[in-house]
Amino acid sequence: MKTALVTGVSTKVGLGYAIAEALGKQDYHVIISARKLEQAETIARELNSQGLSISAIRIDLLDRKSIAEAASQVNKKHPVLDVLVNNAALMLDGSATTLEKDLDEFNIEFQTNVTGTWSVTQEFYKMLVASGHGRIVNVSSGAGSFTDPDFGLVHFPGAALKLLDPYPLTPYAITKLALNGLTIKMSKDFKADNILVNAVCPGFTATRAGSADFGARPVSESVKGIVWAATLPDDGPNGGFFRDGAPLPW
């Protein structure tokens, strides 16, 4: 049985739950993490009741000690990790304008979405190498693209998000821009160990109450592209940016 780690699985309505469920149905043992262990354990019990193989650990992306401890725990039971899905992310609801944004708040977002993801990858890297065909999926966003027609920095808000106009470009987008750059760096650094690293935009997804009213699509649709990137063959793409398996502009 192959093994996957999916970060940021704390509720049934999020992408993390759907990713874990989909990989579990493909006969992976899936380790799920959340900032609060009891949340991940509740989700694990729910998925195990469906006949899937799921276990839970605690990872707080703002707490590097928790990441190191989680890696140590996993290594004892699952020294080989085939897939790492860096799904955990944070977008705070404070002001989004350049002049009004609380920079302490932004630092929390950046440390979660970029530095935390980097730290998780460092701690679990040896287990991915042991697989011989490791896959890393960084769940990103078209908001981190320059020229994506709907979400990108240049065109935001595009036609798909016209109801949000004149909402300002979010600082969250800046964190995803950095994550996309980190994806390229990882893909180059890890190529010699046969680890494929790609960024995936799940699209505008209904993970928040009311978002479907603004055109967000069901989680069941968005998860497909993430699972595709997590299960690529050895000759699959590396260092790319995708949505639904199709390339996106950086």
C-alpha atoms as a PDB file:
ATOM      1  CA  MET A   1       0.000   0.000   0.000  1.00  0.00           C
ATOM      2  CA  LYS A   2       1.344   3.425  -0.959  1.00  0.00           C
ATOM      3  CA  THR A   3       1.334   6.219   1.605  1.00  0.00           C
ATOM      4  CA  ALA A   4       0.325   9.863   1.275  1.00  0.00           C
ATOM      5  CA  LEU A   5       0.374  12.831   3.640  1.00  0.00           C
ATOM      6  CA  VAL A   6      -2.236  15.552   3.224  1.00  0.00           C
ATOM      7  CA  THR A   7      -1.909  18.679   5.357  1.00  0.00           C
ATOM      8  CA  GLY A   8      -4.766  20.931   6.394  1.00  0.00           C
ATOM      9  CA  VAL A   9      -7.568  18.415   6.917  1.00  0.00           C
ATOM     10  CA  SER A  10      -9.767  19.768   9.682  1.00  0.00           C
ATOM     11  CA  THR A  11     -13.317  19.801   8.278  1.00  0.00           C
ATOM     12  CA  LYS A  12     -15.483  17.728   5.956  1.00  0.00           C
ATOM     13  CA  VAL A  13     -16.182  20.658   3.644  1.00  0.00           C
ATOM     14  CA  GLY A  14     -12.583  21.440   2.717  1.00  0.00           C
ATOM     15  CA  LEU A  15     -10.338  20.261  -0.082  1.00  0.00           C
ATOM     16  CA  GLY A  16      -8.209  18.275   2.359  1.00  0.00           C
ATOM     17  CA  TYR A  17     -11.043  15.902   3.202  1.00  0.00           C
ATOM     18  CA  ALA A  18     -11.828  15.327  -0.472  1.00  0.00           C
ATOM     19  CA  ILE A  19      -8.153  14.732  -1.321  1.00  0.00           C
ATOM     20  CA  ALA A  20      -7.760  12.210   1.498  1.00  0.00           C
ATOM     21  CA  GLU A  21     -10.952  10.441   0.500  1.00  0.00           C
ATOM     22  CA  ALA A  22      -9.970  10.251  -3.178  1.00  0.00           C
ATOM     23  CA  LEU A  23      -6.466   8.915  -2.468  1.00  0.00           C
ATOM     24  CA  GLY A  24      -7.878   6.470   0.064  1.00  0.00           C
ATOM     25  CA  LYS A  25     -10.169   5.099  -2.622  1.00  0.00           C
ATOM     26  CA  GLN A  26      -7.072   4.531  -4.766  1.00  0.00           C
ATOM     27  CA  ASP A  27      -5.682   2.271  -2.025  1.00  0.00           C
ATOM     28  CA  TYR A  28      -3.318   4.742  -0.402  1.00  0.00           C
ATOM     29  CA  HIS A  29      -2.864   4.843   3.328  1.00  0.00           C
ATOM     30  CA  VAL A  30      -3.474   8.544   3.916  1.00  0.00           C
ATOM     31  CA  ILE A  31      -2.032  10.439   6.856  1.00  0.00           C
ATOM     32  CA  ILE A  32      -3.994  13.623   7.484  1.00  0.00           C
ATOM     33  CA  SER A  33      -2.934  16.569   9.598  1.00  0.00           C
ATOM     34  CA  ALA A  34      -4.554  19.561  11.249  1.00  0.00           C
ATOM     35  CA  ARG A  35      -3.468  22.193  13.747  1.00  0.00           C
ATOM     36  CA  LYS A  36      -5.686  20.503  16.331  1.00  0.00           C
ATOM     37  CA  LEU A  37      -5.127  16.754  16.536  1.00  0.00           C
ATOM     38  CA  GLU A  38      -8.700  16.061  17.621  1.00  0.00           C
ATOM     39  CA  GLN A  39      -9.996  17.593  14.379  1.00  0.00           C
ATOM     40  CA  ALA A  40      -7.807  15.338  12.250  1.00  0.00           C
ATOM     41  CA  GLU A  41      -8.716  12.311  14.378  1.00  0.00           C
ATOM     42  CA  THR A  42     -12.428  13.002  13.900  1.00  0.00           C
ATOM     43  CA  ILE A  43     -11.963  13.146  10.125  1.00  0.00           C
ATOM     44  CA  ALA A  44      -9.834   9.984  10.205  1.00  0.00           C
ATOM     45  CA  ARG A  45     -12.563   8.077  12.034  1.00  0.00           C
ATOM     46  CA  GLU A  46     -15.140   9.254   9.512  1.00  0.00           C
ATOM     47  CA  LEU A  47     -13.031   8.118   6.551  1.00  0.00           C
ATOM     48  CA  ASN A  48     -12.045   4.852   8.212  1.00  0.00           C
ATOM     49  CA  SER A  49     -15.752   4.092   8.649  1.00  0.00           C
ATOM     50  CA  GLN A  50     -15.933   4.113   4.827  1.00  0.00           C
ATOM     51  CA  GLY A  51     -13.384   1.317   4.690  1.00  0.00           C
ATOM     52  CA  LEU A  52     -10.437   3.579   3.899  1.00  0.00           C
ATOM     53  CA  SER A  53      -7.013   3.482   5.570  1.00  0.00           C
ATOM     54  CA  ILE A  54      -6.499   6.825   7.304  1.00  0.00           C
ATOM     55  CA  SER A  55      -4.435   8.009  10.277  1.00  0.00           C
ATOM     56  CA  ALA A  56      -4.071  11.428  11.900  1.00  0.00           C
ATOM     57  CA  ILE A  57      -1.226  13.595  13.178  1.00  0.00           C
ATOM     58  CA  ARG A  58      -0.891  17.162  14.411  1.00  0.00           C
ATOM     59  CA  ILE A  59       0.911  19.730  12.258  1.00  0.00           C
ATOM     60  CA  ASP A  60       0.788  23.471  12.859  1.00  0.00           C
ATOM     61  CA  LEU A  61       2.566  25.225  10.009  1.00  0.00           C
ATOM     62  CA  LEU A  62       3.446  28.080  12.351  1.00  0.00           C
ATOM     63  CA  ASP A  63       5.143  25.678  14.764  1.00  0.00           C
ATOM     64  CA  ARG A  64       8.227  24.011  13.275  1.00  0.00           C
ATOM     65  CA  LYS A  65       8.618  21.825  16.350  1.00  0.00           C
ATOM     66  CA  SER A  66       5.215  20.293  15.640  1.00  0.00           C
ATOM     67  CA  ILE A  67       6.301  19.568  12.058  1.00  0.00           C
ATOM     68  CA  ALA A  68       9.510  17.860  13.179  1.00  0.00           C
ATOM     69  CA  GLU A  69       7.639  15.812  15.783  1.00  0.00           C
ATOM     70  CA  ALA A  70       5.055  14.758  13.201  1.00  0.00           C
ATOM     71  CA  ALA A  71       7.781  13.647  10.788  1.00  0.00           C
ATOM     72  CA  SER A  72       9.409  11.586  13.523  1.00  0.00           C
ATOM     73  CA  GLN A  73       6.097   9.913  14.349  1.00  0.00           C
ATOM     74  CA  VAL A  74       5.334   9.122  10.725  1.00  0.00           C
ATOM     75  CA  ASN A  75       8.846   7.823  10.032  1.00  0.00           C
ATOM     76  CA  LYS A  76       8.479   5.187  12.754  1.00  0.00           C
ATOM     77  CA  LYS A  77       5.353   3.689  11.159  1.00  0.00           C
ATOM     78  CA  HIS A  78       5.645   4.747   7.519  1.00  0.00           C
ATOM     79  CA  PRO A  79       9.304   5.337   6.599  1.00  0.00           C
ATOM     80  CA  VAL A  80       8.342   5.465   2.922  1.00  0.00           C
ATOM     81  CA  LEU A  81       6.130   8.334   1.780  1.00  0.00           C
ATOM     82  CA  ASP A  82       4.925   8.326  -1.813  1.00  0.00           C
ATOM     83  CA  VAL A  83       2.900  11.541  -1.893  1.00  0.00           C
ATOM     84  CA  LEU A  84       2.979  14.840  -0.030  1.00  0.00           C
ATOM     85  CA  VAL A  85       0.069  17.189  -0.656  1.00  0.00           C
ATOM     86  CA  ASN A  86       0.814  20.598   0.829  1.00  0.00           C
ATOM     87  CA  ASN A  87      -2.813  21.628   1.141  1.00  0.00           C
ATOM     88  CA  ALA A  88      -2.851  23.637   4.377  1.00  0.00           C
ATOM     89  CA  ALA A  89      -3.155  27.376   3.835  1.00  0.00           C
ATOM     90  CA  LEU A  90      -4.470  30.499   5.486  1.00  0.00           C
ATOM     91  CA  MET A  91      -6.280  33.570   4.181  1.00  0.00           C
ATOM     92  CA  LEU A  92      -7.254  36.015   6.887  1.00  0.00           C
ATOM     93  CA  ASP A  93     -10.215  38.350   6.531  1.00  0.00           C
ATOM     94  CA  GLY A  94      -8.516  41.612   7.463  1.00  0.00           C
ATOM     95  CA  SER A  95      -8.124  44.566   5.128  1.00  0.00           C
ATOM     96  CA  ALA A  96      -6.601  43.704   1.772  1.00  0.00           C
ATOM     97  CA  THR A  97      -5.365  47.107   0.655  1.00  0.00           C
ATOM     98  CA  THR A  98      -1.664  47.878   0.521  1.00  0.00           C
ATOM     99  CA  LEU A  99      -1.890  50.790   2.933  1.00  0.00           C
ATOM    100  CA  GLU A 100      -4.318  49.280   5.416  1.00  0.00           C
ATOM    101  CA  LYS A 101      -3.105  45.681   5.572  1.00  0.00           C
ATOM    102  CA  ASP A 102      -1.871  44.664   9.009  1.00  0.00           C
ATOM    103  CA  LEU A 103       1.622  43.378   8.232  1.00  0.00           C
ATOM    104  CA  ASP A 104       1.749  41.210  11.335  1.00  0.00           C
ATOM    105  CA  GLU A 105      -1.353  39.517   9.941  1.00  0.00           C
ATOM    106  CA  PHE A 106       0.300  39.184   6.538  1.00  0.00           C
ATOM    107  CA  ASN A 107       3.381  37.619   8.117  1.00  0.00           C
ATOM    108  CA  ILE A 108       1.158  34.918   9.623  1.00  0.00           C
ATOM    109  CA  GLU A 109      -0.332  34.220   6.192  1.00  0.00           C
ATOM    110  CA  PHE A 110       3.092  34.122   4.527  1.00  0.00           C
ATOM    111  CA  GLN A 111       4.666  31.952   7.221  1.00  0.00           C
ATOM    112  CA  THR A 112       1.774  29.520   6.927  1.00  0.00           C
ATOM    113  CA  ASN A 113       1.446  29.325   3.158  1.00  0.00           C
ATOM    114  CA  VAL A 114       5.111  29.528   2.177  1.00  0.00           C
ATOM    115  CA  THR A 115       7.536  29.005   5.066  1.00  0.00           C
ATOM    116  CA  GLY A 116       5.353  26.347   6.696  1.00  0.00           C
ATOM    117  CA  THR A 117       4.981  24.449   3.433  1.00  0.00           C
ATOM    118  CA  TRP A 118       8.749  24.630   2.951  1.00  0.00           C
ATOM    119  CA  SER A 119       9.322  23.288   6.472  1.00  0.00           C
ATOM    120  CA  VAL A 120       6.939  20.343   5.991  1.00  0.00           C
ATOM    121  CA  THR A 121       8.724  19.445   2.768  1.00  0.00           C
ATOM    122  CA  GLN A 122      12.140  19.554   4.462  1.00  0.00           C
ATOM    123  CA  GLU A 123      11.054  17.325   7.344  1.00  0.00           C
ATOM    124  CA  PHE A 124       9.363  14.662   5.196  1.00  0.00           C
ATOM    125  CA  TYR A 125      11.834  14.733   2.326  1.00  0.00           C
ATOM    126  CA  LYS A 126      13.861  11.642   3.260  1.00  0.00           C
ATOM    127  CA  MET A 127      10.668   9.588   3.351  1.00  0.00           C
ATOM    128  CA  LEU A 128       9.774  10.807  -0.145  1.00  0.00           C
ATOM    129  CA  VAL A 129      13.250   9.901  -1.392  1.00  0.00           C
ATOM    130  CA  ALA A 130      12.787   6.406   0.049  1.00  0.00           C
ATOM    131  CA  SER A 131       9.771   5.956  -2.223  1.00  0.00           C
ATOM    132  CA  GLY A 132      11.902   6.246  -5.357  1.00  0.00           C
ATOM    133  CA  HIS A 133       9.032   8.048  -7.089  1.00  0.00           C
ATOM    134  CA  GLY A 134       7.877  10.734  -4.676  1.00  0.00           C
ATOM    135  CA  ARG A 135       5.236  13.256  -5.662  1.00  0.00           C
ATOM    136  CA  ILE A 136       4.762  16.696  -4.108  1.00  0.00           C
ATOM    137  CA  VAL A 137       1.673  18.756  -4.853  1.00  0.00           C
ATOM    138  CA  ASN A 138       1.611  22.346  -3.661  1.00  0.00           C
ATOM    139  CA  VAL A 139      -2.001  23.461  -3.617  1.00  0.00           C
ATOM    140  CA  SER A 140      -1.723  26.961  -5.004  1.00  0.00           C
ATOM    141  CA  SER A 141      -4.117  29.389  -6.665  1.00  0.00           C
ATOM    142  CA  GLY A 142      -4.569  31.161  -9.950  1.00  0.00           C
ATOM    143  CA  ALA A 143      -4.381  34.257  -7.768  1.00  0.00           C
ATOM    144  CA  GLY A 144      -0.653  33.581  -7.630  1.00  0.00           C
ATOM    145  CA  SER A 145      -0.368  33.780 -11.415  1.00  0.00           C
ATOM    146  CA  PHE A 146       0.410  36.968 -13.288  1.00  0.00           C
ATOM    147  CA  THR A 147      -1.813  36.326 -16.297  1.00  0.00           C
ATOM    148  CA  ASP A 148      -4.485  33.763 -15.385  1.00  0.00           C
ATOM    149  CA  PRO A 149      -7.560  35.345 -17.045  1.00  0.00           C
ATOM    150  CA  ASP A 150      -9.839  34.942 -14.022  1.00  0.00           C
ATOM    151  CA  PHE A 151      -7.665  35.095 -10.921  1.00  0.00           C
ATOM    152  CA  GLY A 152      -4.261  36.402 -12.017  1.00  0.00           C
ATOM    153  CA  LEU A 153      -2.563  39.485 -10.620  1.00  0.00           C
ATOM    154  CA  VAL A 154      -2.814  41.427 -13.883  1.00  0.00           C
ATOM    155  CA  HIS A 155      -6.438  40.616 -14.729  1.00  0.00           C
ATOM    156  CA  PHE A 156      -8.028  40.298 -11.263  1.00  0.00           C
ATOM    157  CA  PRO A 157     -10.945  40.210 -10.950  1.00  0.00           C
ATOM    158  CA  GLY A 158     -11.547  38.455 -14.270  1.00  0.00           C
ATOM    159  CA  ALA A 159     -14.878  37.581 -15.817  1.00  0.00           C
ATOM    160  CA  ALA A 160     -15.426  34.610 -13.504  1.00  0.00           C
ATOM    161  CA  LEU A 161     -15.073  36.869 -10.473  1.00  0.00           C
ATOM    162  CA  LYS A 162     -16.736  40.041 -11.753  1.00  0.00           C
ATOM    163  CA  LEU A 163     -19.117  40.020  -8.773  1.00  0.00           C
ATOM    164  CA  LEU A 164     -16.116  40.756  -6.559  1.00  0.00           C
ATOM    165  CA  ASP A 165     -15.204  43.966  -8.392  1.00  0.00           C
ATOM    166  CA  PRO A 166     -13.892  46.342  -6.963  1.00  0.00           C
ATOM    167  CA  TYR A 167     -12.543  44.049  -4.222  1.00  0.00           C
ATOM    168  CA  PRO A 168      -8.776  44.651  -3.942  1.00  0.00           C
ATOM    169  CA  LEU A 169      -6.201  42.085  -4.938  1.00  0.00           C
ATOM    170  CA  THR A 170      -5.621  40.001  -1.835  1.00  0.00           C
ATOM    171  CA  PRO A 171      -2.305  39.715   0.021  1.00  0.00           C
ATOM    172  CA  TYR A 172      -3.100  35.967  -0.048  1.00  0.00           C
ATOM    173  CA  ALA A 173      -2.313  36.163  -3.769  1.00  0.00           C
ATOM    174  CA  ILE A 174       1.198  37.337  -2.938  1.00  0.00           C
ATOM    175  CA  THR A 175       1.747  34.252  -0.769  1.00  0.00           C
ATOM    176  CA  LYS A 176       0.617  32.006  -3.603  1.00  0.00           C
ATOM    177  CA  LEU A 177       2.890  33.845  -6.034  1.00  0.00           C
ATOM    178  CA  ALA A 178       5.753  32.968  -3.691  1.00  0.00           C
ATOM    179  CA  LEU A 179       4.533  29.373  -3.390  1.00  0.00           C
ATOM    180  CA  ASN A 180       4.593  29.044  -7.166  1.00  0.00           C
ATOM    181  CA  GLY A 181       8.201  30.209  -7.164  1.00  0.00           C
ATOM    182  CA  LEU A 182       9.011  27.725  -4.415  1.00  0.00           C
ATOM    183  CA  THR A 183       7.441  24.982  -6.533  1.00  0.00           C
ATOM    184  CA  ILE A 184       9.830  25.707  -9.373  1.00  0.00           C
ATOM    185  CA  LYS A 185      12.794  25.745  -6.997  1.00  0.00           C
ATOM    186  CA  MET A 186      11.768  22.413  -5.441  1.00  0.00           C
ATOM    187  CA  SER A 187      11.268  20.801  -8.833  1.00  0.00           C
ATOM    188  CA  LYS A 188      14.848  21.648  -9.781  1.00  0.00           C
ATOM    189  CA  ASP A 189      16.370  20.753  -6.416  1.00  0.00           C
ATOM    190  CA  PHE A 190      14.578  17.392  -6.121  1.00  0.00           C
ATOM    191  CA  LYS A 191      14.799  16.167  -9.709  1.00  0.00           C
ATOM    192  CA  ALA A 192      17.823  13.974  -9.039  1.00  0.00           C
ATOM    193  CA  ASP A 193      15.806  12.010  -6.466  1.00  0.00           C
ATOM    194  CA  ASN A 194      13.007  11.327  -8.977  1.00  0.00           C
ATOM    195  CA  ILE A 195      10.548  13.502  -7.083  1.00  0.00           C
ATOM    196  CA  LEU A 196       8.035  15.377  -9.213  1.00  0.00           C
ATOM    197  CA  VAL A 197       6.852  18.699  -7.798  1.00  0.00           C
ATOM    198  CA  ASN A 198       3.953  20.642  -9.233  1.00  0.00           C
ATOM    199  CA  ALA A 199       1.615  23.449  -8.192  1.00  0.00           C
ATOM    200  CA  VAL A 200      -2.121  23.018  -8.677  1.00  0.00           C
ATOM    201  CA  CYS A 201      -4.852  25.628  -8.619  1.00  0.00           C
ATOM    202  CA  PRO A 202      -8.092  23.931  -7.573  1.00  0.00           C
ATOM    203  CA  GLY A 203     -10.152  26.734  -9.069  1.00  0.00           C
ATOM    204  CA  PHE A 204     -12.735  28.839  -7.273  1.00  0.00           C
ATOM    205  CA  THR A 205     -14.103  26.210  -4.909  1.00  0.00           C
ATOM    206  CA  ALA A 206     -17.065  26.202  -2.548  1.00  0.00           C
ATOM    207  CA  THR A 207     -15.186  25.685   0.697  1.00  0.00           C
ATOM    208  CA  ARG A 208     -16.769  28.664   2.446  1.00  0.00           C
ATOM    209  CA  ALA A 209     -20.422  29.301   3.170  1.00  0.00           C
ATOM    210  CA  GLY A 210     -22.035  31.379   0.441  1.00  0.00           C
ATOM    211  CA  SER A 211     -19.162  31.063  -2.036  1.00  0.00           C
ATOM    212  CA  ALA A 212     -21.289  28.990  -4.418  1.00  0.00           C
ATOM    213  CA  ASP A 213     -23.477  32.077  -4.867  1.00  0.00           C
ATOM    214  CA  PHE A 214     -20.451  33.785  -6.438  1.00  0.00           C
ATOM    215  CA  GLY A 215     -19.774  30.942  -8.864  1.00  0.00           C
ATOM    216  CA  ALA A 216     -17.606  28.625  -6.782  1.00  0.00           C
ATOM    217  CA  ARG A 217     -17.678  25.051  -7.993  1.00  0.00           C
ATOM    218  CA  PRO A 218     -18.125  21.879  -5.898  1.00  0.00           C
ATOM    219  CA  VAL A 219     -15.125  20.424  -4.092  1.00  0.00           C
ATOM    220  CA  SER A 220     -15.696  17.157  -5.960  1.00  0.00           C
ATOM    221  CA  GLU A 221     -14.706  18.893  -9.202  1.00  0.00           C
ATOM    222  CA  SER A 222     -11.726  20.799  -7.831  1.00  0.00           C
ATOM    223  CA  VAL A 223     -10.099  17.803  -6.199  1.00  0.00           C
ATOM    224  CA  LYS A 224      -9.605  15.898  -9.455  1.00  0.00           C
ATOM    225  CA  GLY A 225      -6.654  17.991 -10.634  1.00  0.00           C
ATOM    226  CA  ILE A 226      -4.898  17.643  -7.294  1.00  0.00           C
ATOM    227  CA  VAL A 227      -5.235  13.854  -7.289  1.00  0.00           C
ATOM    228  CA  TRP A 228      -4.029  13.796 -10.904  1.00  0.00           C
ATOM    229  CA  ALA A 229      -0.820  15.589  -9.894  1.00  0.00           C
ATOM    230  CA  ALA A 230      -0.371  13.341  -6.857  1.00  0.00           C
ATOM    231  CA  THR A 231      -0.496  10.177  -8.955  1.00  0.00           C
ATOM    232  CA  LEU A 232       1.582  11.154 -12.000  1.00  0.00           C
ATOM    233  CA  PRO A 233       3.673   8.502 -13.750  1.00  0.00           C
ATOM    234  CA  ASP A 234       7.462   8.808 -13.631  1.00  0.00           C
ATOM    235  CA  ASP A 235       7.482  10.581 -16.997  1.00  0.00           C
ATOM    236  CA  GLY A 236       4.896  13.126 -15.858  1.00  0.00           C
ATOM    237  CA  PRO A 237       5.441  16.881 -15.745  1.00  0.00           C
ATOM    238  CA  ASN A 238       7.747  18.462 -13.189  1.00  0.00           C
ATOM    239  CA  GLY A 239       7.804  22.073 -12.050  1.00  0.00           C
ATOM    240  CA  GLY A 240       4.490  22.927 -13.678  1.00  0.00           C
ATOM    241  CA  PHE A 241       1.410  24.907 -12.691  1.00  0.00           C
ATOM    242  CA  PHE A 242      -1.947  23.304 -13.478  1.00  0.00           C
ATOM    243  CA  ARG A 243      -5.695  23.436 -13.080  1.00  0.00           C
ATOM    244  CA  ASP A 244      -7.734  20.334 -13.919  1.00  0.00           C
ATOM    245  CA  GLY A 245      -4.629  18.764 -15.453  1.00  0.00           C
ATOM    246  CA  ALA A 246      -4.135  21.623 -17.929  1.00  0.00           C
ATOM    247  CA  PRO A 247      -1.184  24.043 -17.739  1.00  0.00           C
ATOM    248  CA  LEU A 248      -1.724  27.515 -16.317  1.00  0.00           C
ATOM    249  CA  PRO A 249       0.376  30.595 -17.069  1.00  0.00           C
ATOM    250  CA  TRP A 250       2.783  31.570 -14.310  1.00  0.00           C
END
